[in-house]
Amino acid sequence: MKEGLSLRSGNKQAASFDSLDYTLNEQGGITTDSWQRTNIEGLYACGDTRIAGPSQLINAAGEGSMAAIAVNAALIEEKFSQEK
């Protein structure tokens, strides 16, 4: 029989944005929706800011791409809303 032990270190965000009122997830990262939007309008988070701890570069790049798409969509929507 094999035995093992799993430890979780006390990771926390290196960058502090304490002046913002974003919410944290169960991993200590910033909570986002599937478009990487936080609970604060205009604030997006991806990669290691969402997961306090090591993550894979490919996942972070994909999340960054999704955040960029969401930012672009928000800017286009804002532009068209101003023209009405």
PDB file of N, CA and C in Angstrom:
ATOM      1  N   MET A   1       0.833  -1.170   0.000  1.00  0.00           N
ATOM      2  CA  MET A   1       0.000   0.000   0.000  1.00  0.00           C
ATOM      3  C   MET A   1       0.888   1.247   0.000  1.00  0.00           C
ATOM      4  N   LYS A   2       0.562   2.184  -0.887  1.00  0.00           N
ATOM      5  CA  LYS A   2       1.326   3.425  -0.969  1.00  0.00           C
ATOM      6  C   LYS A   2       0.618   4.503  -0.170  1.00  0.00           C
ATOM      7  N   GLU A   3       1.399   5.292   0.483  1.00  0.00           N
ATOM      8  CA  GLU A   3       0.850   6.406   1.246  1.00  0.00           C
ATOM      9  C   GLU A   3       1.450   7.693   0.728  1.00  0.00           C
ATOM     10  N   GLY A   4       0.735   8.752   0.902  1.00  0.00           N
ATOM     11  CA  GLY A   4       1.236  10.043   0.455  1.00  0.00           C
ATOM     12  C   GLY A   4       0.706  11.162   1.334  1.00  0.00           C
ATOM     13  N   LEU A   5       1.264  12.315   1.112  1.00  0.00           N
ATOM     14  CA  LEU A   5       0.876  13.486   1.872  1.00  0.00           C
ATOM     15  C   LEU A   5       0.821  14.654   0.911  1.00  0.00           C
ATOM     16  N   SER A   6      -0.203  15.432   1.008  1.00  0.00           N
ATOM     17  CA  SER A   6      -0.342  16.619   0.180  1.00  0.00           C
ATOM     18  C   SER A   6      -0.403  17.829   1.093  1.00  0.00           C
ATOM     19  N   LEU A   7       0.422  18.806   0.803  1.00  0.00           N
ATOM     20  CA  LEU A   7       0.458  20.027   1.601  1.00  0.00           C
ATOM     21  C   LEU A   7       0.071  21.207   0.747  1.00  0.00           C
ATOM     22  N   ARG A   8      -0.590  22.140   1.345  1.00  0.00           N
ATOM     23  CA  ARG A   8      -0.923  23.382   0.662  1.00  0.00           C
ATOM     24  C   ARG A   8      -0.224  24.513   1.393  1.00  0.00           C
ATOM     25  N   SER A   9       0.580  25.255   0.660  1.00  0.00           N
ATOM     26  CA  SER A   9       1.274  26.378   1.297  1.00  0.00           C
ATOM     27  C   SER A   9       0.345  27.572   1.376  1.00  0.00           C
ATOM     28  N   GLY A  10       0.707  28.523   2.148  1.00  0.00           N
ATOM     29  CA  GLY A  10      -0.113  29.728   2.318  1.00  0.00           C
ATOM     30  C   GLY A  10       0.189  30.759   1.251  1.00  0.00           C
ATOM     31  N   ASN A  11      -0.135  30.463   0.000  1.00  0.00           N
ATOM     32  CA  ASN A  11       0.108  31.398  -1.095  1.00  0.00           C
ATOM     33  C   ASN A  11      -0.817  32.597  -0.992  1.00  0.00           C
ATOM     34  N   LYS A  12      -0.312  33.746  -1.397  1.00  0.00           N
ATOM     35  CA  LYS A  12      -1.156  34.932  -1.512  1.00  0.00           C
ATOM     36  C   LYS A  12      -0.635  35.797  -2.637  1.00  0.00           C
ATOM     37  N   GLN A  13      -1.451  36.672  -3.116  1.00  0.00           N
ATOM     38  CA  GLN A  13      -1.093  37.511  -4.245  1.00  0.00           C
ATOM     39  C   GLN A  13       0.121  38.376  -3.929  1.00  0.00           C
ATOM     40  N   ALA A  14       1.065  38.450  -4.863  1.00  0.00           N
ATOM     41  CA  ALA A  14       2.251  39.284  -4.678  1.00  0.00           C
ATOM     42  C   ALA A  14       1.907  40.757  -4.870  1.00  0.00           C
ATOM     43  N   ALA A  15       1.042  41.033  -5.842  1.00  0.00           N
ATOM     44  CA  ALA A  15       0.614  42.407  -6.090  1.00  0.00           C
ATOM     45  C   ALA A  15      -0.616  42.695  -5.251  1.00  0.00           C
ATOM     46  N   SER A  16      -0.604  43.817  -4.601  1.00  0.00           N
ATOM     47  CA  SER A  16      -1.735  44.169  -3.748  1.00  0.00           C
ATOM     48  C   SER A  16      -2.558  45.280  -4.393  1.00  0.00           C
ATOM     49  N   PHE A  17      -3.816  45.023  -4.519  1.00  0.00           N
ATOM     50  CA  PHE A  17      -4.748  46.014  -5.028  1.00  0.00           C
ATOM     51  C   PHE A  17      -5.797  46.262  -3.948  1.00  0.00           C
ATOM     52  N   ASP A  18      -5.326  46.457  -2.723  1.00  0.00           N
ATOM     53  CA  ASP A  18      -6.218  46.558  -1.571  1.00  0.00           C
ATOM     54  C   ASP A  18      -7.233  47.685  -1.678  1.00  0.00           C
ATOM     55  N   SER A  19      -6.924  48.706  -2.474  1.00  0.00           N
ATOM     56  CA  SER A  19      -7.870  49.820  -2.590  1.00  0.00           C
ATOM     57  C   SER A  19      -9.087  49.445  -3.430  1.00  0.00           C
ATOM     58  N   LEU A  20      -9.006  48.327  -4.159  1.00  0.00           N
ATOM     59  CA  LEU A  20     -10.134  47.857  -4.957  1.00  0.00           C
ATOM     60  C   LEU A  20     -10.945  46.858  -4.151  1.00  0.00           C
ATOM     61  N   ASP A  21     -12.222  46.806  -4.403  1.00  0.00           N
ATOM     62  CA  ASP A  21     -13.112  45.944  -3.626  1.00  0.00           C
ATOM     63  C   ASP A  21     -13.489  44.680  -4.399  1.00  0.00           C
ATOM     64  N   TYR A  22     -12.487  43.975  -4.936  1.00  0.00           N
ATOM     65  CA  TYR A  22     -12.756  42.739  -5.656  1.00  0.00           C
ATOM     66  C   TYR A  22     -12.946  41.601  -4.662  1.00  0.00           C
ATOM     67  N   THR A  23     -13.552  40.513  -5.137  1.00  0.00           N
ATOM     68  CA  THR A  23     -13.760  39.352  -4.269  1.00  0.00           C
ATOM     69  C   THR A  23     -12.709  38.284  -4.577  1.00  0.00           C
ATOM     70  N   LEU A  24     -12.412  37.494  -3.553  1.00  0.00           N
ATOM     71  CA  LEU A  24     -11.447  36.411  -3.700  1.00  0.00           C
ATOM     72  C   LEU A  24     -12.160  35.070  -3.767  1.00  0.00           C
ATOM     73  N   ASN A  25     -11.572  34.134  -4.512  1.00  0.00           N
ATOM     74  CA  ASN A  25     -12.130  32.791  -4.595  1.00  0.00           C
ATOM     75  C   ASN A  25     -11.538  31.909  -3.499  1.00  0.00           C
ATOM     76  N   GLU A  26     -11.937  30.656  -3.469  1.00  0.00           N
ATOM     77  CA  GLU A  26     -11.487  29.735  -2.422  1.00  0.00           C
ATOM     78  C   GLU A  26      -9.988  29.448  -2.491  1.00  0.00           C
ATOM     79  N   GLN A  27      -9.350  29.781  -3.612  1.00  0.00           N
ATOM     80  CA  GLN A  27      -7.912  29.566  -3.764  1.00  0.00           C
ATOM     81  C   GLN A  27      -7.104  30.813  -3.405  1.00  0.00           C
ATOM     82  N   GLY A  28      -7.786  31.886  -3.040  1.00  0.00           N
ATOM     83  CA  GLY A  28      -7.105  33.128  -2.696  1.00  0.00           C
ATOM     84  C   GLY A  28      -6.841  34.033  -3.876  1.00  0.00           C
ATOM     85  N   GLY A  29      -7.349  33.650  -5.044  1.00  0.00           N
ATOM     86  CA  GLY A  29      -7.193  34.476  -6.238  1.00  0.00           C
ATOM     87  C   GLY A  29      -8.413  35.352  -6.446  1.00  0.00           C
ATOM     88  N   ILE A  30      -8.336  36.215  -7.427  1.00  0.00           N
ATOM     89  CA  ILE A  30      -9.439  37.130  -7.733  1.00  0.00           C
ATOM     90  C   ILE A  30     -10.540  36.366  -8.467  1.00  0.00           C
ATOM     91  N   THR A  31     -11.766  36.504  -8.016  1.00  0.00           N
ATOM     92  CA  THR A  31     -12.918  35.834  -8.616  1.00  0.00           C
ATOM     93  C   THR A  31     -13.284  36.512  -9.933  1.00  0.00           C
ATOM     94  N   THR A  32     -13.486  35.690 -10.979  1.00  0.00           N
ATOM     95  CA  THR A  32     -13.915  36.206 -12.280  1.00  0.00           C
ATOM     96  C   THR A  32     -15.013  35.316 -12.855  1.00  0.00           C
ATOM     97  N   ASP A  33     -15.666  35.840 -13.881  1.00  0.00           N
ATOM     98  CA  ASP A  33     -16.595  35.005 -14.642  1.00  0.00           C
ATOM     99  C   ASP A  33     -15.818  34.373 -15.797  1.00  0.00           C
ATOM    100  N   SER A  34     -16.505  33.721 -16.703  1.00  0.00           N
ATOM    101  CA  SER A  34     -15.827  33.033 -17.798  1.00  0.00           C
ATOM    102  C   SER A  34     -15.161  33.991 -18.790  1.00  0.00           C
ATOM    103  N   TRP A  35     -15.523  35.254 -18.744  1.00  0.00           N
ATOM    104  CA  TRP A  35     -14.891  36.265 -19.601  1.00  0.00           C
ATOM    105  C   TRP A  35     -13.774  37.001 -18.869  1.00  0.00           C
ATOM    106  N   GLN A  36     -13.402  36.511 -17.686  1.00  0.00           N
ATOM    107  CA  GLN A  36     -12.332  37.077 -16.863  1.00  0.00           C
ATOM    108  C   GLN A  36     -12.714  38.413 -16.222  1.00  0.00           C
ATOM    109  N   ARG A  37     -14.003  38.755 -16.214  1.00  0.00           N
ATOM    110  CA  ARG A  37     -14.470  39.987 -15.584  1.00  0.00           C
ATOM    111  C   ARG A  37     -14.598  39.768 -14.079  1.00  0.00           C
ATOM    112  N   THR A  38     -14.174  40.741 -13.309  1.00  0.00           N
ATOM    113  CA  THR A  38     -14.326  40.677 -11.861  1.00  0.00           C
ATOM    114  C   THR A  38     -15.659  41.310 -11.477  1.00  0.00           C
ATOM    115  N   ASN A  39     -15.905  41.439 -10.194  1.00  0.00           N
ATOM    116  CA  ASN A  39     -17.124  42.094  -9.728  1.00  0.00           C
ATOM    117  C   ASN A  39     -17.050  43.613  -9.882  1.00  0.00           C
ATOM    118  N   ILE A  40     -15.925  44.136 -10.336  1.00  0.00           N
ATOM    119  CA  ILE A  40     -15.753  45.576 -10.547  1.00  0.00           C
ATOM    120  C   ILE A  40     -15.774  45.848 -12.049  1.00  0.00           C
ATOM    121  N   GLU A  41     -16.673  46.706 -12.489  1.00  0.00           N
ATOM    122  CA  GLU A  41     -16.779  47.010 -13.915  1.00  0.00           C
ATOM    123  C   GLU A  41     -15.460  47.562 -14.444  1.00  0.00           C
ATOM    124  N   GLY A  42     -14.988  46.983 -15.546  1.00  0.00           N
ATOM    125  CA  GLY A  42     -13.752  47.432 -16.166  1.00  0.00           C
ATOM    126  C   GLY A  42     -12.496  46.782 -15.608  1.00  0.00           C
ATOM    127  N   LEU A  43     -12.633  45.891 -14.618  1.00  0.00           N
ATOM    128  CA  LEU A  43     -11.481  45.205 -14.049  1.00  0.00           C
ATOM    129  C   LEU A  43     -11.535  43.731 -14.428  1.00  0.00           C
ATOM    130  N   TYR A  44     -10.484  43.264 -15.076  1.00  0.00           N
ATOM    131  CA  TYR A  44     -10.374  41.889 -15.545  1.00  0.00           C
ATOM    132  C   TYR A  44      -9.169  41.251 -14.860  1.00  0.00           C
ATOM    133  N   ALA A  45      -9.213  39.948 -14.665  1.00  0.00           N
ATOM    134  CA  ALA A  45      -8.091  39.237 -14.044  1.00  0.00           C
ATOM    135  C   ALA A  45      -7.891  37.910 -14.757  1.00  0.00           C
ATOM    136  N   CYS A  46      -6.645  37.474 -14.849  1.00  0.00           N
ATOM    137  CA  CYS A  46      -6.352  36.195 -15.489  1.00  0.00           C
ATOM    138  C   CYS A  46      -5.049  35.628 -14.956  1.00  0.00           C
ATOM    139  N   GLY A  47      -4.799  34.374 -15.283  1.00  0.00           N
ATOM    140  CA  GLY A  47      -3.556  33.721 -14.893  1.00  0.00           C
ATOM    141  C   GLY A  47      -3.414  33.581 -13.391  1.00  0.00           C
ATOM    142  N   ASP A  48      -2.224  33.887 -12.893  1.00  0.00           N
ATOM    143  CA  ASP A  48      -1.924  33.701 -11.482  1.00  0.00           C
ATOM    144  C   ASP A  48      -2.706  34.639 -10.558  1.00  0.00           C
ATOM    145  N   THR A  49      -3.281  35.717 -11.091  1.00  0.00           N
ATOM    146  CA  THR A  49      -4.099  36.580 -10.229  1.00  0.00           C
ATOM    147  C   THR A  49      -5.408  35.899  -9.854  1.00  0.00           C
ATOM    148  N   ARG A  50      -5.844  34.921 -10.657  1.00  0.00           N
ATOM    149  CA  ARG A  50      -7.072  34.183 -10.373  1.00  0.00           C
ATOM    150  C   ARG A  50      -6.835  32.980  -9.474  1.00  0.00           C
ATOM    151  N   ILE A  51      -5.639  32.419  -9.544  1.00  0.00           N
ATOM    152  CA  ILE A  51      -5.310  31.239  -8.757  1.00  0.00           C
ATOM    153  C   ILE A  51      -4.036  31.550  -7.986  1.00  0.00           C
ATOM    154  N   ALA A  52      -4.146  31.685  -6.688  1.00  0.00           N
ATOM    155  CA  ALA A  52      -2.966  31.985  -5.878  1.00  0.00           C
ATOM    156  C   ALA A  52      -2.131  30.722  -5.775  1.00  0.00           C
ATOM    157  N   GLY A  53      -1.136  30.618  -6.591  1.00  0.00           N
ATOM    158  CA  GLY A  53      -0.292  29.429  -6.628  1.00  0.00           C
ATOM    159  C   GLY A  53       0.153  29.178  -8.045  1.00  0.00           C
ATOM    160  N   PRO A  54       0.936  28.161  -8.239  1.00  0.00           N
ATOM    161  CA  PRO A  54       1.452  27.899  -9.586  1.00  0.00           C
ATOM    162  C   PRO A  54       0.349  27.463 -10.554  1.00  0.00           C
ATOM    163  N   SER A  55       0.415  27.997 -11.744  1.00  0.00           N
ATOM    164  CA  SER A  55      -0.523  27.566 -12.783  1.00  0.00           C
ATOM    165  C   SER A  55       0.265  27.345 -14.065  1.00  0.00           C
ATOM    166  N   GLN A  56      -0.364  26.790 -15.052  1.00  0.00           N
ATOM    167  CA  GLN A  56       0.313  26.501 -16.306  1.00  0.00           C
ATOM    168  C   GLN A  56       0.290  27.721 -17.211  1.00  0.00           C
ATOM    169  N   LEU A  57       1.405  27.949 -17.872  1.00  0.00           N
ATOM    170  CA  LEU A  57       1.535  29.081 -18.773  1.00  0.00           C
ATOM    171  C   LEU A  57       0.456  29.065 -19.851  1.00  0.00           C
ATOM    172  N   ILE A  58       0.167  27.908 -20.394  1.00  0.00           N
ATOM    173  CA  ILE A  58      -0.816  27.817 -21.475  1.00  0.00           C
ATOM    174  C   ILE A  58      -2.200  28.230 -20.996  1.00  0.00           C
ATOM    175  N   ASN A  59      -2.542  27.877 -19.753  1.00  0.00           N
ATOM    176  CA  ASN A  59      -3.837  28.294 -19.194  1.00  0.00           C
ATOM    177  C   ASN A  59      -3.870  29.804 -18.996  1.00  0.00           C
ATOM    178  N   ALA A  60      -2.785  30.361 -18.468  1.00  0.00           N
ATOM    179  CA  ALA A  60      -2.721  31.803 -18.256  1.00  0.00           C
ATOM    180  C   ALA A  60      -2.818  32.558 -19.581  1.00  0.00           C
ATOM    181  N   ALA A  61      -2.156  32.038 -20.623  1.00  0.00           N
ATOM    182  CA  ALA A  61      -2.218  32.678 -21.932  1.00  0.00           C
ATOM    183  C   ALA A  61      -3.637  32.639 -22.492  1.00  0.00           C
ATOM    184  N   GLY A  62      -4.305  31.506 -22.335  1.00  0.00           N
ATOM    185  CA  GLY A  62      -5.694  31.393 -22.792  1.00  0.00           C
ATOM    186  C   GLY A  62      -6.612  32.360 -22.043  1.00  0.00           C
ATOM    187  N   GLU A  63      -6.424  32.458 -20.729  1.00  0.00           N
ATOM    188  CA  GLU A  63      -7.232  33.384 -19.938  1.00  0.00           C
ATOM    189  C   GLU A  63      -6.935  34.831 -20.333  1.00  0.00           C
ATOM    190  N   GLY A  64      -5.662  35.127 -20.609  1.00  0.00           N
ATOM    191  CA  GLY A  64      -5.294  36.472 -21.061  1.00  0.00           C
ATOM    192  C   GLY A  64      -5.952  36.814 -22.381  1.00  0.00           C
ATOM    193  N   SER A  65      -5.999  35.845 -23.280  1.00  0.00           N
ATOM    194  CA  SER A  65      -6.662  36.038 -24.562  1.00  0.00           C
ATOM    195  C   SER A  65      -8.156  36.295 -24.369  1.00  0.00           C
ATOM    196  N   MET A  66      -8.778  35.523 -23.479  1.00  0.00           N
ATOM    197  CA  MET A  66     -10.202  35.713 -23.201  1.00  0.00           C
ATOM    198  C   MET A  66     -10.454  37.093 -22.595  1.00  0.00           C
ATOM    199  N   ALA A  67      -9.580  37.517 -21.687  1.00  0.00           N
ATOM    200  CA  ALA A  67      -9.721  38.852 -21.082  1.00  0.00           C
ATOM    201  C   ALA A  67      -9.599  39.938 -22.160  1.00  0.00           C
ATOM    202  N   ALA A  68      -8.646  39.773 -23.080  1.00  0.00           N
ATOM    203  CA  ALA A  68      -8.470  40.748 -24.158  1.00  0.00           C
ATOM    204  C   ALA A  68      -9.706  40.818 -25.044  1.00  0.00           C
ATOM    205  N   ILE A  69     -10.293  39.674 -25.352  1.00  0.00           N
ATOM    206  CA  ILE A  69     -11.527  39.641 -26.159  1.00  0.00           C
ATOM    207  C   ILE A  69     -12.647  40.370 -25.418  1.00  0.00           C
ATOM    208  N   ALA A  70     -12.762  40.131 -24.115  1.00  0.00           N
ATOM    209  CA  ALA A  70     -13.822  40.766 -23.319  1.00  0.00           C
ATOM    210  C   ALA A  70     -13.618  42.274 -23.221  1.00  0.00           C
ATOM    211  N   VAL A  71     -12.370  42.708 -23.036  1.00  0.00           N
ATOM    212  CA  VAL A  71     -12.072  44.149 -22.984  1.00  0.00           C
ATOM    213  C   VAL A  71     -12.426  44.794 -24.319  1.00  0.00           C
ATOM    214  N   ASN A  72     -12.021  44.174 -25.418  1.00  0.00           N
ATOM    215  CA  ASN A  72     -12.325  44.699 -26.746  1.00  0.00           C
ATOM    216  C   ASN A  72     -13.833  44.801 -26.965  1.00  0.00           C
ATOM    217  N   ALA A  73     -14.569  43.761 -26.574  1.00  0.00           N
ATOM    218  CA  ALA A  73     -16.033  43.782 -26.721  1.00  0.00           C
ATOM    219  C   ALA A  73     -16.648  44.896 -25.892  1.00  0.00           C
ATOM    220  N   ALA A  74     -16.154  45.098 -24.675  1.00  0.00           N
ATOM    221  CA  ALA A  74     -16.679  46.157 -23.806  1.00  0.00           C
ATOM    222  C   ALA A  74     -16.411  47.535 -24.406  1.00  0.00           C
ATOM    223  N   LEU A  75     -15.227  47.730 -24.984  1.00  0.00           N
ATOM    224  CA  LEU A  75     -14.895  49.018 -25.600  1.00  0.00           C
ATOM    225  C   LEU A  75     -15.744  49.274 -26.837  1.00  0.00           C
ATOM    226  N   ILE A  76     -15.975  48.247 -27.641  1.00  0.00           N
ATOM    227  CA  ILE A  76     -16.835  48.393 -28.819  1.00  0.00           C
ATOM    228  C   ILE A  76     -18.260  48.726 -28.396  1.00  0.00           C
ATOM    229  N   GLU A  77     -18.762  48.037 -27.390  1.00  0.00           N
ATOM    230  CA  GLU A  77     -20.118  48.306 -26.890  1.00  0.00           C
ATOM    231  C   GLU A  77     -20.221  49.726 -26.358  1.00  0.00           C
ATOM    232  N   GLU A  78     -19.199  50.166 -25.626  1.00  0.00           N
ATOM    233  CA  GLU A  78     -19.195  51.532 -25.100  1.00  0.00           C
ATOM    234  C   GLU A  78     -19.213  52.554 -26.221  1.00  0.00           C
ATOM    235  N   LYS A  79     -18.416  52.319 -27.271  1.00  0.00           N
ATOM    236  CA  LYS A  79     -18.348  53.223 -28.409  1.00  0.00           C
ATOM    237  C   LYS A  79     -19.695  53.318 -29.116  1.00  0.00           C
ATOM    238  N   PHE A  80     -20.345  52.181 -29.347  1.00  0.00           N
ATOM    239  CA  PHE A  80     -21.632  52.202 -30.029  1.00  0.00           C
ATOM    240  C   PHE A  80     -22.727  52.799 -29.146  1.00  0.00           C
ATOM    241  N   SER A  81     -22.634  52.642 -27.853  1.00  0.00           N
ATOM    242  CA  SER A  81     -23.617  53.223 -26.935  1.00  0.00           C
ATOM    243  C   SER A  81     -23.526  54.740 -26.943  1.00  0.00           C
ATOM    244  N   GLN A  82     -22.322  55.281 -27.096  1.00  0.00           N
ATOM    245  CA  GLN A  82     -22.127  56.726 -27.125  1.00  0.00           C
ATOM    246  C   GLN A  82     -22.668  57.349 -28.401  1.00  0.00           C
ATOM    247  N   GLU A  83     -22.670  56.565 -29.473  1.00  0.00           N
ATOM    248  CA  GLU A  83     -23.116  57.083 -30.776  1.00  0.00           C
ATOM    249  C   GLU A  83     -24.626  57.119 -30.913  1.00  0.00           C
ATOM    250  N   LYS A  84     -25.344  56.487 -30.006  1.00  0.00           N
ATOM    251  CA  LYS A  84     -26.810  56.458 -30.116  1.00  0.00           C
ATOM    252  C   LYS A  84     -27.424  57.741 -29.655  1.00  0.00           C
TER     253      LYS A  84
END
